[in-house]
N, C-alpha and C. Protein backbone atom coordinates (compact mmCIF):
# COMPACT_ATOMS: atom_id res chain seq x y z
N MET A 1 0.84 -1.17 0.00
CA MET A 1 0.00 0.00 0.00
C MET A 1 0.88 1.24 0.00
N SER A 2 0.56 2.19 -0.83
CA SER A 2 1.31 3.44 -0.89
C SER A 2 0.85 4.35 0.23
N THR A 3 1.77 4.73 1.08
CA THR A 3 1.40 5.60 2.21
C THR A 3 1.49 7.06 1.84
N ALA A 4 2.08 7.39 0.70
CA ALA A 4 2.23 8.78 0.30
C ALA A 4 0.87 9.44 0.08
N THR A 5 -0.13 8.68 -0.30
CA THR A 5 -1.45 9.25 -0.57
C THR A 5 -2.34 9.31 0.66
N LEU A 6 -1.93 8.74 1.75
CA LEU A 6 -2.75 8.73 2.95
C LEU A 6 -2.50 9.99 3.77
N ALA A 7 -3.47 10.88 3.73
CA ALA A 7 -3.36 12.12 4.49
C ALA A 7 -4.48 12.15 5.52
N PRO A 8 -4.13 12.38 6.75
CA PRO A 8 -5.16 12.40 7.79
C PRO A 8 -6.01 13.67 7.71
N ASP A 9 -7.26 13.53 8.14
CA ASP A 9 -8.11 14.72 8.22
C ASP A 9 -7.72 15.51 9.48
N LYS A 10 -8.35 16.65 9.67
CA LYS A 10 -7.99 17.55 10.77
C LYS A 10 -8.08 16.87 12.14
N GLU A 11 -9.16 16.11 12.36
CA GLU A 11 -9.33 15.43 13.66
C GLU A 11 -8.24 14.40 13.91
N MET A 12 -7.85 13.68 12.87
CA MET A 12 -6.81 12.67 13.04
C MET A 12 -5.44 13.32 13.25
N VAL A 13 -5.21 14.46 12.63
CA VAL A 13 -3.97 15.20 12.88
C VAL A 13 -3.91 15.60 14.35
N GLU A 14 -5.02 16.09 14.86
CA GLU A 14 -5.08 16.46 16.29
C GLU A 14 -4.84 15.26 17.19
N LEU A 15 -5.45 14.13 16.84
CA LEU A 15 -5.25 12.90 17.62
C LEU A 15 -3.79 12.47 17.57
N ALA A 16 -3.20 12.50 16.38
CA ALA A 16 -1.80 12.11 16.23
C ALA A 16 -0.89 13.00 17.08
N LYS A 17 -1.11 14.29 17.00
CA LYS A 17 -0.25 15.23 17.75
C LYS A 17 -0.45 15.12 19.25
N SER A 18 -1.70 15.00 19.69
CA SER A 18 -1.92 14.89 21.14
C SER A 18 -1.39 13.56 21.68
N SER A 19 -1.55 12.50 20.90
CA SER A 19 -1.02 11.20 21.32
C SER A 19 0.49 11.23 21.42
N LEU A 20 1.13 11.90 20.46
CA LEU A 20 2.59 12.03 20.50
C LEU A 20 3.02 12.84 21.72
N THR A 21 2.29 13.89 22.03
CA THR A 21 2.62 14.71 23.21
C THR A 21 2.54 13.87 24.48
N TYR A 22 1.44 13.11 24.62
CA TYR A 22 1.31 12.24 25.80
C TYR A 22 2.41 11.18 25.82
N ALA A 23 2.65 10.55 24.69
CA ALA A 23 3.68 9.51 24.62
C ALA A 23 5.03 10.06 25.03
N ASN A 24 5.37 11.23 24.51
CA ASN A 24 6.67 11.83 24.84
C ASN A 24 6.76 12.19 26.32
N SER A 25 5.66 12.64 26.91
CA SER A 25 5.72 12.97 28.34
C SER A 25 5.89 11.72 29.18
N TYR A 26 5.17 10.64 28.83
CA TYR A 26 5.36 9.37 29.53
C TYR A 26 6.79 8.86 29.33
N PHE A 27 7.28 8.95 28.10
CA PHE A 27 8.62 8.44 27.81
C PHE A 27 9.69 9.24 28.56
N THR A 28 9.53 10.54 28.61
CA THR A 28 10.51 11.38 29.32
C THR A 28 10.57 11.02 30.80
N THR A 29 9.41 10.87 31.41
CA THR A 29 9.37 10.49 32.84
C THR A 29 9.96 9.11 33.04
N PHE A 30 9.58 8.18 32.19
CA PHE A 30 10.09 6.80 32.24
C PHE A 30 11.61 6.79 32.09
N SER A 31 12.10 7.45 31.08
CA SER A 31 13.53 7.47 30.78
C SER A 31 14.32 8.16 31.89
N ASN A 32 13.85 9.32 32.31
CA ASN A 32 14.56 10.05 33.38
C ASN A 32 14.59 9.25 34.68
N SER A 33 13.51 8.54 34.96
CA SER A 33 13.46 7.74 36.19
C SER A 33 14.45 6.59 36.16
N LEU A 34 14.69 6.05 34.97
CA LEU A 34 15.66 4.97 34.85
C LEU A 34 17.10 5.47 34.96
N ASN A 35 17.29 6.74 34.70
CA ASN A 35 18.64 7.31 34.72
C ASN A 35 19.03 7.86 36.09
N THR A 36 18.18 7.70 37.09
CA THR A 36 18.51 8.16 38.43
C THR A 36 18.79 6.96 39.33
N LYS A 37 19.61 7.18 40.32
CA LYS A 37 19.93 6.09 41.25
C LYS A 37 18.73 5.74 42.11
N GLN A 38 17.99 6.73 42.53
CA GLN A 38 16.87 6.51 43.42
C GLN A 38 15.61 7.10 42.79
N SER A 39 14.91 6.32 41.99
CA SER A 39 13.70 6.77 41.34
C SER A 39 12.56 6.90 42.34
N ARG A 40 11.67 7.85 42.08
CA ARG A 40 10.48 7.99 42.92
C ARG A 40 9.48 6.88 42.64
N PHE A 41 9.66 6.19 41.51
CA PHE A 41 8.71 5.19 41.06
C PHE A 41 9.30 3.79 41.14
N ASP A 42 8.47 2.82 41.51
CA ASP A 42 8.95 1.44 41.51
C ASP A 42 8.87 0.88 40.09
N ASN A 43 9.43 -0.30 39.90
CA ASN A 43 9.49 -0.91 38.57
C ASN A 43 8.11 -1.20 37.99
N ASP A 44 7.16 -1.48 38.85
CA ASP A 44 5.79 -1.73 38.38
C ASP A 44 5.22 -0.48 37.70
N LEU A 45 5.36 0.66 38.34
CA LEU A 45 4.84 1.90 37.75
C LEU A 45 5.65 2.30 36.51
N LEU A 46 6.95 2.08 36.54
CA LEU A 46 7.76 2.38 35.36
C LEU A 46 7.34 1.51 34.17
N TYR A 47 7.02 0.26 34.44
CA TYR A 47 6.54 -0.62 33.38
C TYR A 47 5.23 -0.11 32.80
N GLN A 48 4.34 0.35 33.66
CA GLN A 48 3.07 0.90 33.18
C GLN A 48 3.31 2.13 32.28
N MET A 49 4.30 2.94 32.63
CA MET A 49 4.66 4.08 31.79
C MET A 49 5.17 3.61 30.42
N ALA A 50 5.97 2.56 30.42
CA ALA A 50 6.48 2.02 29.16
C ALA A 50 5.33 1.57 28.27
N ILE A 51 4.37 0.87 28.85
CA ILE A 51 3.22 0.41 28.07
C ILE A 51 2.42 1.60 27.55
N LEU A 52 2.17 2.57 28.42
CA LEU A 52 1.40 3.74 28.00
C LEU A 52 2.06 4.49 26.86
N CYS A 53 3.36 4.74 26.98
CA CYS A 53 4.01 5.51 25.91
C CYS A 53 4.04 4.71 24.62
N LEU A 54 4.26 3.42 24.68
CA LEU A 54 4.29 2.61 23.48
C LEU A 54 2.92 2.61 22.79
N GLU A 55 1.86 2.44 23.57
CA GLU A 55 0.51 2.47 22.99
C GLU A 55 0.22 3.83 22.37
N LYS A 56 0.57 4.90 23.05
CA LYS A 56 0.32 6.25 22.51
C LYS A 56 1.14 6.51 21.25
N TYR A 57 2.37 5.99 21.19
CA TYR A 57 3.16 6.15 19.97
C TYR A 57 2.47 5.48 18.79
N PHE A 58 1.94 4.29 19.00
CA PHE A 58 1.28 3.60 17.90
C PHE A 58 -0.06 4.24 17.54
N ILE A 59 -0.77 4.77 18.51
CA ILE A 59 -2.00 5.51 18.19
C ILE A 59 -1.65 6.72 17.33
N ALA A 60 -0.57 7.42 17.68
CA ALA A 60 -0.13 8.58 16.89
C ALA A 60 0.25 8.17 15.48
N LEU A 61 0.98 7.08 15.35
CA LEU A 61 1.40 6.62 14.02
C LEU A 61 0.20 6.24 13.16
N LEU A 62 -0.72 5.49 13.72
CA LEU A 62 -1.90 5.09 12.96
C LEU A 62 -2.76 6.30 12.60
N ALA A 63 -2.91 7.23 13.50
CA ALA A 63 -3.69 8.45 13.21
C ALA A 63 -3.04 9.26 12.10
N ARG A 64 -1.72 9.26 12.04
CA ARG A 64 -1.00 9.95 10.98
C ARG A 64 -1.44 9.43 9.60
N TYR A 65 -1.78 8.15 9.55
CA TYR A 65 -2.25 7.54 8.31
C TYR A 65 -3.78 7.49 8.23
N ASP A 66 -4.44 8.34 9.06
CA ASP A 66 -5.90 8.47 9.05
C ASP A 66 -6.58 7.15 9.43
N TRP A 67 -5.99 6.45 10.39
CA TRP A 67 -6.51 5.16 10.81
C TRP A 67 -6.65 5.13 12.32
N THR A 68 -7.78 4.63 12.78
CA THR A 68 -8.00 4.47 14.21
C THR A 68 -7.60 3.06 14.60
N ALA A 69 -6.80 2.93 15.64
CA ALA A 69 -6.36 1.62 16.10
C ALA A 69 -7.57 0.77 16.47
N THR A 70 -7.57 -0.46 16.02
CA THR A 70 -8.68 -1.36 16.34
C THR A 70 -8.32 -2.31 17.49
N HIS A 71 -7.08 -2.25 17.94
CA HIS A 71 -6.62 -3.09 19.05
C HIS A 71 -5.90 -2.20 20.05
N HIS A 72 -5.71 -2.70 21.24
CA HIS A 72 -5.03 -1.88 22.26
C HIS A 72 -3.71 -2.47 22.73
N THR A 73 -3.39 -3.68 22.35
CA THR A 73 -2.11 -4.24 22.79
C THR A 73 -1.00 -3.76 21.85
N PRO A 74 0.18 -3.56 22.38
CA PRO A 74 1.28 -3.08 21.54
C PRO A 74 1.56 -3.96 20.32
N LEU A 75 1.56 -5.27 20.48
CA LEU A 75 1.86 -6.14 19.34
C LEU A 75 0.76 -6.05 18.27
N ALA A 76 -0.48 -6.00 18.69
CA ALA A 76 -1.58 -5.88 17.72
C ALA A 76 -1.49 -4.54 16.99
N MET A 77 -1.15 -3.48 17.69
CA MET A 77 -1.02 -2.18 17.02
C MET A 77 0.19 -2.17 16.09
N TYR A 78 1.26 -2.82 16.48
CA TYR A 78 2.43 -2.93 15.59
C TYR A 78 2.03 -3.62 14.29
N LYS A 79 1.33 -4.74 14.41
CA LYS A 79 0.91 -5.49 13.22
C LYS A 79 -0.02 -4.65 12.35
N GLU A 80 -0.90 -3.91 12.99
CA GLU A 80 -1.81 -3.04 12.23
C GLU A 80 -1.05 -1.93 11.52
N ALA A 81 -0.06 -1.37 12.18
CA ALA A 81 0.74 -0.30 11.59
C ALA A 81 1.57 -0.77 10.41
N GLN A 82 1.89 -2.04 10.36
CA GLN A 82 2.67 -2.57 9.24
C GLN A 82 1.95 -2.39 7.90
N ASP A 83 0.63 -2.29 7.92
CA ASP A 83 -0.12 -2.07 6.69
C ASP A 83 0.15 -0.68 6.10
N PHE A 84 0.65 0.24 6.93
CA PHE A 84 0.86 1.62 6.49
C PHE A 84 2.32 2.04 6.51
N GLU A 85 3.05 1.58 7.48
CA GLU A 85 4.41 2.07 7.73
C GLU A 85 5.45 1.06 7.26
N THR A 86 6.27 1.49 6.31
CA THR A 86 7.27 0.60 5.72
C THR A 86 8.58 0.55 6.50
N GLU A 87 8.78 1.48 7.42
CA GLU A 87 10.06 1.53 8.13
C GLU A 87 10.03 0.89 9.52
N LEU A 88 8.97 0.18 9.83
CA LEU A 88 8.98 -0.60 11.08
C LEU A 88 9.96 -1.74 10.90
N THR A 89 10.83 -1.92 11.87
CA THR A 89 11.90 -2.90 11.75
C THR A 89 11.63 -4.15 12.61
N PRO A 90 12.33 -5.24 12.31
CA PRO A 90 12.22 -6.42 13.18
C PRO A 90 12.64 -6.11 14.63
N GLU A 91 13.59 -5.20 14.80
CA GLU A 91 14.02 -4.82 16.16
C GLU A 91 12.89 -4.10 16.90
N MET A 92 12.12 -3.30 16.18
CA MET A 92 10.98 -2.63 16.80
C MET A 92 9.93 -3.65 17.21
N LYS A 93 9.73 -4.65 16.38
CA LYS A 93 8.79 -5.71 16.73
C LYS A 93 9.29 -6.46 17.97
N ASP A 94 10.58 -6.72 18.03
CA ASP A 94 11.16 -7.38 19.21
C ASP A 94 10.89 -6.56 20.47
N THR A 95 11.01 -5.24 20.36
CA THR A 95 10.74 -4.37 21.51
C THR A 95 9.29 -4.50 21.95
N VAL A 96 8.38 -4.46 21.00
CA VAL A 96 6.96 -4.56 21.30
C VAL A 96 6.65 -5.91 21.97
N ILE A 97 7.23 -6.96 21.47
CA ILE A 97 7.03 -8.29 22.08
C ILE A 97 7.62 -8.31 23.49
N TYR A 98 8.80 -7.72 23.64
CA TYR A 98 9.46 -7.71 24.95
C TYR A 98 8.62 -6.96 25.98
N VAL A 99 8.09 -5.81 25.58
CA VAL A 99 7.25 -5.03 26.50
C VAL A 99 6.02 -5.85 26.90
N GLY A 100 5.42 -6.55 25.96
CA GLY A 100 4.20 -7.29 26.24
C GLY A 100 4.39 -8.58 27.00
N LYS A 101 5.61 -9.06 27.09
CA LYS A 101 5.80 -10.38 27.69
C LYS A 101 5.67 -10.41 29.20
N PHE A 102 5.51 -9.27 29.82
CA PHE A 102 5.45 -9.23 31.28
C PHE A 102 4.04 -9.28 31.85
N GLU A 103 3.04 -9.36 30.97
CA GLU A 103 1.69 -9.47 31.49
C GLU A 103 0.90 -10.48 30.67
N GLY A 104 -0.06 -11.09 31.32
CA GLY A 104 -0.95 -12.04 30.66
C GLY A 104 -2.36 -11.52 30.71
N ILE A 105 -3.19 -11.99 29.79
CA ILE A 105 -4.57 -11.52 29.74
C ILE A 105 -5.38 -12.11 30.89
N CYS A 106 -5.14 -13.36 31.20
CA CYS A 106 -5.91 -13.98 32.28
C CYS A 106 -5.10 -15.12 32.91
N SER A 107 -5.58 -15.58 34.03
CA SER A 107 -4.85 -16.62 34.75
C SER A 107 -4.95 -17.98 34.07
N ILE A 108 -5.84 -18.14 33.11
CA ILE A 108 -5.96 -19.42 32.39
C ILE A 108 -4.65 -19.75 31.68
N ASP A 109 -3.97 -18.69 31.22
CA ASP A 109 -2.69 -18.89 30.54
C ASP A 109 -1.63 -19.48 31.46
N GLY A 110 -1.88 -19.44 32.76
CA GLY A 110 -0.88 -19.91 33.71
C GLY A 110 0.26 -18.91 33.84
N PHE A 111 0.04 -17.73 33.36
CA PHE A 111 1.08 -16.71 33.37
C PHE A 111 0.43 -15.39 33.70
N GLY A 112 0.59 -14.94 34.89
CA GLY A 112 0.02 -13.67 35.29
C GLY A 112 1.02 -12.56 35.09
N TYR A 113 0.71 -11.44 35.61
CA TYR A 113 1.56 -10.28 35.53
C TYR A 113 2.82 -10.48 36.36
N ARG A 114 3.95 -10.03 35.85
CA ARG A 114 5.18 -10.02 36.65
C ARG A 114 5.90 -8.71 36.41
N THR A 115 6.62 -8.27 37.40
CA THR A 115 7.30 -6.98 37.34
C THR A 115 8.67 -7.13 36.69
N PRO A 116 8.96 -6.31 35.67
CA PRO A 116 10.28 -6.39 35.04
C PRO A 116 11.37 -5.82 35.94
N SER A 117 12.59 -6.29 35.73
CA SER A 117 13.74 -5.76 36.47
C SER A 117 14.17 -4.43 35.85
N LYS A 118 15.10 -3.76 36.51
CA LYS A 118 15.61 -2.50 35.95
C LYS A 118 16.30 -2.77 34.61
N ASP A 119 17.01 -3.88 34.50
CA ASP A 119 17.65 -4.23 33.22
C ASP A 119 16.60 -4.43 32.12
N ASP A 120 15.49 -5.08 32.46
CA ASP A 120 14.40 -5.25 31.50
C ASP A 120 13.87 -3.89 31.06
N LEU A 121 13.68 -3.00 32.01
CA LEU A 121 13.16 -1.67 31.70
C LEU A 121 14.12 -0.87 30.82
N LEU A 122 15.42 -1.06 31.02
CA LEU A 122 16.41 -0.37 30.18
C LEU A 122 16.35 -0.88 28.74
N VAL A 123 16.16 -2.18 28.58
CA VAL A 123 16.00 -2.75 27.23
C VAL A 123 14.77 -2.14 26.57
N MET A 124 13.67 -2.05 27.31
CA MET A 124 12.45 -1.45 26.79
C MET A 124 12.69 0.00 26.38
N LYS A 125 13.36 0.75 27.23
CA LYS A 125 13.63 2.16 26.96
C LYS A 125 14.38 2.34 25.65
N ASN A 126 15.42 1.57 25.46
CA ASN A 126 16.22 1.69 24.25
C ASN A 126 15.41 1.36 23.00
N GLY A 127 14.60 0.34 23.08
CA GLY A 127 13.77 -0.04 21.94
C GLY A 127 12.67 0.97 21.67
N ILE A 128 12.03 1.45 22.72
CA ILE A 128 10.96 2.44 22.56
C ILE A 128 11.51 3.72 21.96
N GLU A 129 12.74 4.06 22.30
CA GLU A 129 13.35 5.27 21.76
C GLU A 129 13.47 5.19 20.23
N GLU A 130 13.78 4.03 19.68
CA GLU A 130 13.83 3.85 18.22
C GLU A 130 12.45 4.08 17.61
N ILE A 131 11.43 3.56 18.25
CA ILE A 131 10.06 3.72 17.77
C ILE A 131 9.67 5.19 17.84
N LYS A 132 10.03 5.85 18.91
CA LYS A 132 9.75 7.27 19.11
C LYS A 132 10.33 8.10 17.96
N ILE A 133 11.56 7.83 17.59
CA ILE A 133 12.23 8.59 16.52
C ILE A 133 11.48 8.43 15.20
N LEU A 134 11.08 7.22 14.87
CA LEU A 134 10.34 6.99 13.63
C LEU A 134 9.01 7.74 13.64
N ILE A 135 8.30 7.67 14.73
CA ILE A 135 6.97 8.28 14.78
C ILE A 135 7.06 9.80 14.76
N GLU A 136 8.05 10.36 15.43
CA GLU A 136 8.24 11.81 15.35
C GLU A 136 8.55 12.23 13.91
N LYS A 137 9.34 11.43 13.22
CA LYS A 137 9.66 11.71 11.82
C LYS A 137 8.38 11.71 10.99
N ARG A 138 7.53 10.71 11.17
CA ARG A 138 6.30 10.62 10.39
C ARG A 138 5.35 11.78 10.68
N LEU A 139 5.25 12.17 11.93
CA LEU A 139 4.34 13.25 12.26
C LEU A 139 4.86 14.60 11.78
N ASN A 140 6.16 14.73 11.65
CA ASN A 140 6.73 15.96 11.09
C ASN A 140 6.45 16.10 9.60
N GLU A 141 6.03 15.02 8.96
CA GLU A 141 5.73 15.06 7.53
C GLU A 141 4.34 15.64 7.24
N ILE A 142 3.52 15.76 8.25
CA ILE A 142 2.16 16.27 8.01
C ILE A 142 2.03 17.72 8.46
């Protein structure tokens, strides 16, 4: 699919920009907290910030292409974005999978929620930063 012809309407531009603003604020807090010796936030809350910023980045990317996300999980949004965005990389997909691997949908899976370590959170941060750069680039095109 050619993405050059996909131009968002005014409402989707607003959604893309506001989602990017929220994502960047979550990412800044998340990133800064990981760079301090004594964070005000525990790893559980930092993980929630990682999920929030990743979801908001993908909402912004999809809105840039005049598309409303039909799923809310990071991996589902990544797969949906592949229909529009040609520069999503396998490393970005690995990041999305890594972020999602710490929670389960229900206890039937035999795998509930677990808290990532600081090392896990640093891996997430580095991967999310690559995604952030791509999405900022795309939104600057509109």
